Amino acid sequence: MLNVRRTSQVCFYKRLFKQIMYQCDYCLVVGDKAHFQLVLWDAEHYNPYFITKNGRQQLNHSEYQINIRDMDAGKYKS
């Protein structure tokens, strides 16, 4: 099971590699200046639907504060 999860993570990253604008230990920003998305994860969740913890299989929703600087004026969707 671990190999399947690891392979899925690698495939996910390779698909996005050419579109990565920023990355750190817990976040990727993918896309371009006109259209981008934030991908966040923690130790238990790589993305909202890919649970890596073997315990309870329910999604835990957490609240995050994201500070974004130097944005161009315009309309943004959350």
PDB file of N, CA and C in Angstrom:
ATOM      1  N   MET A   1       0.816  -1.194   0.000  1.00  0.00           N
ATOM      2  CA  MET A   1       0.000   0.000   0.000  1.00  0.00           C
ATOM      3  C   MET A   1       0.861   1.261   0.000  1.00  0.00           C
ATOM      4  N   LEU A   2       1.967   1.235   0.714  1.00  0.00           N
ATOM      5  CA  LEU A   2       2.843   2.398   0.781  1.00  0.00           C
ATOM      6  C   LEU A   2       3.397   2.756  -0.593  1.00  0.00           C
ATOM      7  N   ASN A   3       3.778   1.764  -1.403  1.00  0.00           N
ATOM      8  CA  ASN A   3       4.303   2.032  -2.736  1.00  0.00           C
ATOM      9  C   ASN A   3       3.275   2.704  -3.630  1.00  0.00           C
ATOM     10  N   VAL A   4       2.024   2.297  -3.521  1.00  0.00           N
ATOM     11  CA  VAL A   4       0.963   2.920  -4.312  1.00  0.00           C
ATOM     12  C   VAL A   4       0.823   4.385  -3.934  1.00  0.00           C
ATOM     13  N   ARG A   5       0.831   4.690  -2.647  1.00  0.00           N
ATOM     14  CA  ARG A   5       0.708   6.077  -2.199  1.00  0.00           C
ATOM     15  C   ARG A   5       1.898   6.902  -2.655  1.00  0.00           C
ATOM     16  N   ARG A   6       3.087   6.379  -2.503  1.00  0.00           N
ATOM     17  CA  ARG A   6       4.295   7.100  -2.907  1.00  0.00           C
ATOM     18  C   ARG A   6       4.273   7.365  -4.407  1.00  0.00           C
ATOM     19  N   THR A   7       3.887   6.369  -5.190  1.00  0.00           N
ATOM     20  CA  THR A   7       3.798   6.525  -6.639  1.00  0.00           C
ATOM     21  C   THR A   7       2.783   7.598  -6.998  1.00  0.00           C
ATOM     22  N   SER A   8       1.651   7.624  -6.318  1.00  0.00           N
ATOM     23  CA  SER A   8       0.631   8.641  -6.583  1.00  0.00           C
ATOM     24  C   SER A   8       1.160  10.036  -6.297  1.00  0.00           C
ATOM     25  N   GLN A   9       1.917  10.196  -5.220  1.00  0.00           N
ATOM     26  CA  GLN A   9       2.485  11.499  -4.880  1.00  0.00           C
ATOM     27  C   GLN A   9       3.484  11.941  -5.937  1.00  0.00           C
ATOM     28  N   VAL A  10       4.328  11.026  -6.393  1.00  0.00           N
ATOM     29  CA  VAL A  10       5.329  11.360  -7.408  1.00  0.00           C
ATOM     30  C   VAL A  10       4.644  11.741  -8.710  1.00  0.00           C
ATOM     31  N   CYS A  11       3.628  10.990  -9.127  1.00  0.00           N
ATOM     32  CA  CYS A  11       2.897  11.307 -10.357  1.00  0.00           C
ATOM     33  C   CYS A  11       2.218  12.668 -10.254  1.00  0.00           C
ATOM     34  N   PHE A  12       1.613  12.943  -9.092  1.00  0.00           N
ATOM     35  CA  PHE A  12       0.963  14.227  -8.856  1.00  0.00           C
ATOM     36  C   PHE A  12       1.964  15.364  -9.015  1.00  0.00           C
ATOM     37  N   TYR A  13       3.147  15.224  -8.418  1.00  0.00           N
ATOM     38  CA  TYR A  13       4.169  16.261  -8.478  1.00  0.00           C
ATOM     39  C   TYR A  13       4.684  16.432  -9.904  1.00  0.00           C
ATOM     40  N   LYS A  14       4.933  15.331 -10.613  1.00  0.00           N
ATOM     41  CA  LYS A  14       5.449  15.417 -11.986  1.00  0.00           C
ATOM     42  C   LYS A  14       4.462  16.117 -12.914  1.00  0.00           C
ATOM     43  N   ARG A  15       3.172  15.877 -12.717  1.00  0.00           N
ATOM     44  CA  ARG A  15       2.166  16.532 -13.553  1.00  0.00           C
ATOM     45  C   ARG A  15       2.199  18.047 -13.374  1.00  0.00           C
ATOM     46  N   LEU A  16       2.475  18.491 -12.168  1.00  0.00           N
ATOM     47  CA  LEU A  16       2.456  19.922 -11.865  1.00  0.00           C
ATOM     48  C   LEU A  16       3.808  20.600 -12.045  1.00  0.00           C
ATOM     49  N   PHE A  17       4.879  19.827 -12.236  1.00  0.00           N
ATOM     50  CA  PHE A  17       6.242  20.358 -12.171  1.00  0.00           C
ATOM     51  C   PHE A  17       6.453  21.590 -13.048  1.00  0.00           C
ATOM     52  N   LYS A  18       5.968  21.581 -14.277  1.00  0.00           N
ATOM     53  CA  LYS A  18       6.187  22.704 -15.197  1.00  0.00           C
ATOM     54  C   LYS A  18       5.362  23.931 -14.827  1.00  0.00           C
ATOM     55  N   GLN A  19       4.384  23.759 -13.949  1.00  0.00           N
ATOM     56  CA  GLN A  19       3.502  24.864 -13.587  1.00  0.00           C
ATOM     57  C   GLN A  19       3.770  25.419 -12.193  1.00  0.00           C
ATOM     58  N   ILE A  20       4.794  24.938 -11.503  1.00  0.00           N
ATOM     59  CA  ILE A  20       5.046  25.373 -10.128  1.00  0.00           C
ATOM     60  C   ILE A  20       5.650  26.775 -10.128  1.00  0.00           C
ATOM     61  N   MET A  21       4.968  27.697  -9.460  1.00  0.00           N
ATOM     62  CA  MET A  21       5.452  29.067  -9.324  1.00  0.00           C
ATOM     63  C   MET A  21       6.198  29.251  -8.007  1.00  0.00           C
ATOM     64  N   TYR A  22       5.796  28.507  -6.974  1.00  0.00           N
ATOM     65  CA  TYR A  22       6.401  28.608  -5.645  1.00  0.00           C
ATOM     66  C   TYR A  22       6.170  27.289  -4.931  1.00  0.00           C
ATOM     67  N   GLN A  23       7.124  26.889  -4.084  1.00  0.00           N
ATOM     68  CA  GLN A  23       6.905  25.708  -3.258  1.00  0.00           C
ATOM     69  C   GLN A  23       7.698  25.810  -1.969  1.00  0.00           C
ATOM     70  N   CYS A  24       7.162  25.176  -0.927  1.00  0.00           N
ATOM     71  CA  CYS A  24       7.850  25.040   0.350  1.00  0.00           C
ATOM     72  C   CYS A  24       7.438  23.693   0.933  1.00  0.00           C
ATOM     73  N   ASP A  25       7.705  23.448   2.201  1.00  0.00           N
ATOM     74  CA  ASP A  25       7.445  22.137   2.798  1.00  0.00           C
ATOM     75  C   ASP A  25       5.970  21.767   2.883  1.00  0.00           C
ATOM     76  N   TYR A  26       5.067  22.717   2.835  1.00  0.00           N
ATOM     77  CA  TYR A  26       3.652  22.435   3.045  1.00  0.00           C
ATOM     78  C   TYR A  26       2.741  23.032   1.977  1.00  0.00           C
ATOM     79  N   CYS A  27       3.314  23.608   0.919  1.00  0.00           N
ATOM     80  CA  CYS A  27       2.483  24.336  -0.034  1.00  0.00           C
ATOM     81  C   CYS A  27       3.123  24.359  -1.415  1.00  0.00           C
ATOM     82  N   LEU A  28       2.290  24.294  -2.448  1.00  0.00           N
ATOM     83  CA  LEU A  28       2.695  24.562  -3.827  1.00  0.00           C
ATOM     84  C   LEU A  28       1.761  25.635  -4.367  1.00  0.00           C
ATOM     85  N   VAL A  29       2.291  26.536  -5.181  1.00  0.00           N
ATOM     86  CA  VAL A  29       1.460  27.449  -5.952  1.00  0.00           C
ATOM     87  C   VAL A  29       1.710  27.070  -7.401  1.00  0.00           C
ATOM     88  N   VAL A  30       0.656  26.647  -8.092  1.00  0.00           N
ATOM     89  CA  VAL A  30       0.804  26.179  -9.469  1.00  0.00           C
ATOM     90  C   VAL A  30      -0.049  27.019 -10.403  1.00  0.00           C
ATOM     91  N   GLY A  31       0.381  27.134 -11.640  1.00  0.00           N
ATOM     92  CA  GLY A  31      -0.351  27.885 -12.644  1.00  0.00           C
ATOM     93  C   GLY A  31       0.516  28.982 -13.217  1.00  0.00           C
ATOM     94  N   ASP A  32      -0.097  30.134 -13.482  1.00  0.00           N
ATOM     95  CA  ASP A  32       0.631  31.306 -13.961  1.00  0.00           C
ATOM     96  C   ASP A  32       0.016  32.545 -13.316  1.00  0.00           C
ATOM     97  N   LYS A  33       0.498  33.738 -13.696  1.00  0.00           N
ATOM     98  CA  LYS A  33       0.011  34.961 -13.040  1.00  0.00           C
ATOM     99  C   LYS A  33      -1.482  35.192 -13.255  1.00  0.00           C
ATOM    100  N   ALA A  34      -2.014  34.726 -14.374  1.00  0.00           N
ATOM    101  CA  ALA A  34      -3.428  34.949 -14.667  1.00  0.00           C
ATOM    102  C   ALA A  34      -4.342  33.922 -14.006  1.00  0.00           C
ATOM    103  N   HIS A  35      -3.822  32.725 -13.736  1.00  0.00           N
ATOM    104  CA  HIS A  35      -4.654  31.661 -13.152  1.00  0.00           C
ATOM    105  C   HIS A  35      -3.759  30.748 -12.329  1.00  0.00           C
ATOM    106  N   PHE A  36      -3.955  30.732 -11.016  1.00  0.00           N
ATOM    107  CA  PHE A  36      -3.106  29.899 -10.165  1.00  0.00           C
ATOM    108  C   PHE A  36      -3.942  29.246  -9.078  1.00  0.00           C
ATOM    109  N   GLN A  37      -3.378  28.189  -8.485  1.00  0.00           N
ATOM    110  CA  GLN A  37      -4.038  27.486  -7.393  1.00  0.00           C
ATOM    111  C   GLN A  37      -3.028  27.208  -6.298  1.00  0.00           C
ATOM    112  N   LEU A  38      -3.505  27.197  -5.063  1.00  0.00           N
ATOM    113  CA  LEU A  38      -2.690  26.822  -3.908  1.00  0.00           C
ATOM    114  C   LEU A  38      -2.980  25.369  -3.575  1.00  0.00           C
ATOM    115  N   VAL A  39      -1.939  24.581  -3.381  1.00  0.00           N
ATOM    116  CA  VAL A  39      -2.078  23.189  -2.954  1.00  0.00           C
ATOM    117  C   VAL A  39      -1.401  23.088  -1.600  1.00  0.00           C
ATOM    118  N   LEU A  40      -2.177  22.805  -0.550  1.00  0.00           N
ATOM    119  CA  LEU A  40      -1.657  22.720   0.817  1.00  0.00           C
ATOM    120  C   LEU A  40      -1.754  21.290   1.313  1.00  0.00           C
ATOM    121  N   TRP A  41      -0.813  20.882   2.163  1.00  0.00           N
ATOM    122  CA  TRP A  41      -0.908  19.583   2.809  1.00  0.00           C
ATOM    123  C   TRP A  41      -0.215  19.631   4.149  1.00  0.00           C
ATOM    124  N   ASP A  42      -0.495  18.632   4.970  1.00  0.00           N
ATOM    125  CA  ASP A  42       0.183  18.489   6.252  1.00  0.00           C
ATOM    126  C   ASP A  42       0.662  17.047   6.366  1.00  0.00           C
ATOM    127  N   ALA A  43       1.051  16.617   7.558  1.00  0.00           N
ATOM    128  CA  ALA A  43       1.617  15.280   7.731  1.00  0.00           C
ATOM    129  C   ALA A  43       0.609  14.172   7.434  1.00  0.00           C
ATOM    130  N   GLU A  44      -0.675  14.436   7.586  1.00  0.00           N
ATOM    131  CA  GLU A  44      -1.682  13.401   7.373  1.00  0.00           C
ATOM    132  C   GLU A  44      -2.309  13.440   5.989  1.00  0.00           C
ATOM    133  N   HIS A  45      -2.385  14.600   5.369  1.00  0.00           N
ATOM    134  CA  HIS A  45      -3.102  14.733   4.101  1.00  0.00           C
ATOM    135  C   HIS A  45      -2.190  15.354   3.049  1.00  0.00           C
ATOM    136  N   TYR A  46      -2.005  14.654   1.932  1.00  0.00           N
ATOM    137  CA  TYR A  46      -1.224  15.218   0.825  1.00  0.00           C
ATOM    138  C   TYR A  46      -2.102  16.136  -0.008  1.00  0.00           C
ATOM    139  N   ASN A  47      -3.330  15.745  -0.231  1.00  0.00           N
ATOM    140  CA  ASN A  47      -4.337  16.619  -0.813  1.00  0.00           C
ATOM    141  C   ASN A  47      -5.660  16.265  -0.136  1.00  0.00           C
ATOM    142  N   PRO A  48      -6.729  17.006  -0.330  1.00  0.00           N
ATOM    143  CA  PRO A  48      -7.942  16.780   0.455  1.00  0.00           C
ATOM    144  C   PRO A  48      -8.544  15.376   0.344  1.00  0.00           C
ATOM    145  N   TYR A  49      -8.261  14.642  -0.721  1.00  0.00           N
ATOM    146  CA  TYR A  49      -8.890  13.340  -0.919  1.00  0.00           C
ATOM    147  C   TYR A  49      -7.906  12.183  -0.884  1.00  0.00           C
ATOM    148  N   PHE A  50      -6.651  12.419  -0.557  1.00  0.00           N
ATOM    149  CA  PHE A  50      -5.638  11.365  -0.534  1.00  0.00           C
ATOM    150  C   PHE A  50      -5.109  11.250   0.886  1.00  0.00           C
ATOM    151  N   ILE A  51      -5.708  10.400   1.697  1.00  0.00           N
ATOM    152  CA  ILE A  51      -5.348  10.276   3.106  1.00  0.00           C
ATOM    153  C   ILE A  51      -4.205   9.284   3.256  1.00  0.00           C
ATOM    154  N   THR A  52      -3.118   9.710   3.885  1.00  0.00           N
ATOM    155  CA  THR A  52      -1.961   8.831   4.060  1.00  0.00           C
ATOM    156  C   THR A  52      -1.901   8.204   5.439  1.00  0.00           C
ATOM    157  N   LYS A  53      -2.742   8.639   6.355  1.00  0.00           N
ATOM    158  CA  LYS A  53      -2.761   8.070   7.701  1.00  0.00           C
ATOM    159  C   LYS A  53      -3.665   6.838   7.692  1.00  0.00           C
ATOM    160  N   ASN A  54      -3.242   5.749   8.325  1.00  0.00           N
ATOM    161  CA  ASN A  54      -4.011   4.508   8.310  1.00  0.00           C
ATOM    162  C   ASN A  54      -5.184   4.502   9.277  1.00  0.00           C
ATOM    163  N   GLY A  55      -5.312   5.486  10.105  1.00  0.00           N
ATOM    164  CA  GLY A  55      -6.387   5.538  11.102  1.00  0.00           C
ATOM    165  C   GLY A  55      -7.729   5.820  10.468  1.00  0.00           C
ATOM    166  N   ARG A  56      -8.490   6.659  11.106  1.00  0.00           N
ATOM    167  CA  ARG A  56      -9.840   7.004  10.654  1.00  0.00           C
ATOM    168  C   ARG A  56      -9.821   7.552   9.225  1.00  0.00           C
ATOM    169  N   GLN A  57     -10.752   7.144   8.403  1.00  0.00           N
ATOM    170  CA  GLN A  57     -10.772   7.535   6.995  1.00  0.00           C
ATOM    171  C   GLN A  57     -11.701   8.719   6.721  1.00  0.00           C
ATOM    172  N   GLN A  58     -11.968   9.532   7.711  1.00  0.00           N
ATOM    173  CA  GLN A  58     -12.782  10.722   7.505  1.00  0.00           C
ATOM    174  C   GLN A  58     -11.856  11.909   7.296  1.00  0.00           C
ATOM    175  N   LEU A  59     -12.310  12.850   6.486  1.00  0.00           N
ATOM    176  CA  LEU A  59     -11.516  14.051   6.257  1.00  0.00           C
ATOM    177  C   LEU A  59     -11.666  14.999   7.430  1.00  0.00           C
ATOM    178  N   ASN A  60     -10.561  15.518   7.903  1.00  0.00           N
ATOM    179  CA  ASN A  60     -10.579  16.546   8.942  1.00  0.00           C
ATOM    180  C   ASN A  60     -10.359  17.887   8.263  1.00  0.00           C
ATOM    181  N   HIS A  61     -11.243  18.815   8.504  1.00  0.00           N
ATOM    182  CA  HIS A  61     -11.114  20.125   7.886  1.00  0.00           C
ATOM    183  C   HIS A  61     -10.454  21.080   8.871  1.00  0.00           C
ATOM    184  N   SER A  62      -9.411  21.727   8.436  1.00  0.00           N
ATOM    185  CA  SER A  62      -8.692  22.684   9.266  1.00  0.00           C
ATOM    186  C   SER A  62      -8.841  24.067   8.664  1.00  0.00           C
ATOM    187  N   GLU A  63      -8.655  25.062   9.482  1.00  0.00           N
ATOM    188  CA  GLU A  63      -8.721  26.440   9.018  1.00  0.00           C
ATOM    189  C   GLU A  63      -7.306  26.970   8.879  1.00  0.00           C
ATOM    190  N   TYR A  64      -7.021  27.623   7.769  1.00  0.00           N
ATOM    191  CA  TYR A  64      -5.697  28.177   7.502  1.00  0.00           C
ATOM    192  C   TYR A  64      -5.827  29.657   7.205  1.00  0.00           C
ATOM    193  N   GLN A  65      -4.824  30.411   7.576  1.00  0.00           N
ATOM    194  CA  GLN A  65      -4.745  31.812   7.187  1.00  0.00           C
ATOM    195  C   GLN A  65      -3.608  31.923   6.190  1.00  0.00           C
ATOM    196  N   ILE A  66      -3.886  32.519   5.050  1.00  0.00           N
ATOM    197  CA  ILE A  66      -2.887  32.668   3.999  1.00  0.00           C
ATOM    198  C   ILE A  66      -2.717  34.152   3.725  1.00  0.00           C
ATOM    199  N   ASN A  67      -1.506  34.634   3.837  1.00  0.00           N
ATOM    200  CA  ASN A  67      -1.195  36.025   3.523  1.00  0.00           C
ATOM    201  C   ASN A  67      -0.481  36.060   2.179  1.00  0.00           C
ATOM    202  N   ILE A  68      -1.071  36.751   1.216  1.00  0.00           N
ATOM    203  CA  ILE A  68      -0.499  36.852  -0.126  1.00  0.00           C
ATOM    204  C   ILE A  68      -0.163  38.313  -0.366  1.00  0.00           C
ATOM    205  N   ARG A  69       1.075  38.559  -0.763  1.00  0.00           N
ATOM    206  CA  ARG A  69       1.524  39.930  -1.003  1.00  0.00           C
ATOM    207  C   ARG A  69       1.781  40.164  -2.486  1.00  0.00           C
ATOM    208  N   ASP A  70       1.794  41.416  -2.868  1.00  0.00           N
ATOM    209  CA  ASP A  70       2.141  41.848  -4.230  1.00  0.00           C
ATOM    210  C   ASP A  70       1.208  41.275  -5.288  1.00  0.00           C
ATOM    211  N   MET A  71      -0.091  41.245  -4.990  1.00  0.00           N
ATOM    212  CA  MET A  71      -1.073  40.764  -5.964  1.00  0.00           C
ATOM    213  C   MET A  71      -1.466  41.914  -6.877  1.00  0.00           C
ATOM    214  N   ASP A  72      -1.742  41.601  -8.130  1.00  0.00           N
ATOM    215  CA  ASP A  72      -2.277  42.590  -9.051  1.00  0.00           C
ATOM    216  C   ASP A  72      -3.749  42.817  -8.732  1.00  0.00           C
ATOM    217  N   ALA A  73      -4.225  44.018  -8.987  1.00  0.00           N
ATOM    218  CA  ALA A  73      -5.635  44.320  -8.764  1.00  0.00           C
ATOM    219  C   ALA A  73      -6.486  43.471  -9.698  1.00  0.00           C
ATOM    220  N   GLY A  74      -7.632  43.007  -9.214  1.00  0.00           N
ATOM    221  CA  GLY A  74      -8.523  42.193 -10.045  1.00  0.00           C
ATOM    222  C   GLY A  74      -9.481  41.397  -9.191  1.00  0.00           C
ATOM    223  N   LYS A  75     -10.194  40.495  -9.830  1.00  0.00           N
ATOM    224  CA  LYS A  75     -11.158  39.650  -9.133  1.00  0.00           C
ATOM    225  C   LYS A  75     -10.538  38.277  -8.912  1.00  0.00           C
ATOM    226  N   TYR A  76     -10.688  37.756  -7.701  1.00  0.00           N
ATOM    227  CA  TYR A  76     -10.142  36.450  -7.350  1.00  0.00           C
ATOM    228  C   TYR A  76     -11.241  35.598  -6.748  1.00  0.00           C
ATOM    229  N   LYS A  77     -11.193  34.310  -7.021  1.00  0.00           N
ATOM    230  CA  LYS A  77     -12.176  33.357  -6.511  1.00  0.00           C
ATOM    231  C   LYS A  77     -11.540  32.535  -5.405  1.00  0.00           C
ATOM    232  N   SER A  78     -12.282  32.266  -4.328  1.00  0.00           N
ATOM    233  CA  SER A  78     -11.729  31.419  -3.268  1.00  0.00           C
ATOM    234  C   SER A  78     -12.497  30.123  -3.177  1.00  0.00           C
TER     235      SER A  78
END
